[in-house]
Amino acid sequence: MTLPHQVKDSAILTKIRKSNPPEDGTYRLVFELTDKSIPQIFALAPGGEYGHRLVIDLPHKAEVTKAKPAKPAEKIETQAALPFGTDDIIIAIDPGHGGNDPGAVGPRRKYEKHVTLAISRQVAEKLNKVPGIKAVLTRNGDYFVDLNKRSDIARKQGAHLLVSIHADGFHKPQPRGASVWVLSRRRANSEIGRWIEKHEEQSNLLGGGALLNDNQDEYLSRAVLDLQFSNSQKEGYDVAVRVLKEMGRVTKLHKPNPEHASLAVLKSPDIPSLLVEAGFITNPEEEKLLLSSNHQNKIANAVYKGVLTYFEEFPPDGTLMAARKNGIKHTVTSGQSLSVIAKNTAVQSMRLKQPTA
């Protein structure tokens, strides 16, 4: 591209030209804008077919374009869809252990890994029946998944929450009861330091970049990661409180409040996470309970209710549950059936037939 370069059909840019550099060995480009803008500048590490990249974002008012008038029905449909999102809330359910890692072993030589998978499958099944929620499993069979990979699996699925299911163990048979754990602040601080050193992964986590100045980069990254950890820890703790409350109704509790621990599966800064200990498999009585399909269902139902009540109250923006909470207004157009409207808005047909006040 030769300079100066005239830019056509741009909402913000009119010309790109060069100018006298401030010092030898440097190069200055000038972007002439149509309106005031505060640029956001960051670097991207090499990836795929691309080398080192410098990205300049120029926030601006959306360009107003003339569009052909739509048909009345199409226009009404578009307006009805704009005020609310339809995204699912993704819940990652993590069955502890698996494969050559059996977990805790009970007096009857029963393995924790089988109990955790059975409960996790039931939790996922219950959540998947709720419109607007999608549950995914980090493993769905008796195989090994590295602890450090479980959060990665949840992240790739776009999870809003990670729930790891376990059964406790001890070298003595007396301890019993369920508990729920969240990440300790000490582990969070050490993880922040680790993420800062992993520049490429940090770039992906922070949405694609960091500031150019190395000192500013580290301070900003630490600040953003600290905020992310604080937010995810708070959300994880709030869900943990609800899950523990529901579990207290169906089984004995080992800990009355959520506990903090330095556990690898809880270490993701961007995904609220909690670990559920369904009971002590090393306790003879609880081993029998944990092997019972009826008790497994009770534990699964408690986890399901705790998670559901949280997201019913605090649904993420842009999700179908947020739309349902805030209320959906839909204008019926000619030819639409109740079944179609119900499918698009996740409202049962019978409820649509009920008169409103």
Foldseek 3Di string as FASTA:
>chain_A
DDPFDADPPDPWFGTKHWDDDPDPPDTGIDTHTPDDWDKDWFWADDDDPGHIDIDIDTDDDDDDDDDDDDDPVVVQVVVQPPPFFAAAAEEEEEQPFFAPGQDAAAPVRHGFSVLSLLLSVLLQVVQCVDRRYHYHYLDNHRHGDDLLCSVVVCVVVVHQAYEYETADEDPDQPDKFKAKAAADVVLQVVLLVVLLVVVNVLCVVVPHGADDDPVRRSVVSSVVLVVLQVVLRVLLQQLRLQLLVQLVVQIGHNDSGYYHDNGSNNRDSNHNYMYIHSMYCHHVVVVVLSPDSVSSNSSSVSSNVSVVVSCCVVPDGNTLSVCVNVDRDHDDDPPDDLVVVCVVNVNDSVVVPDDDD
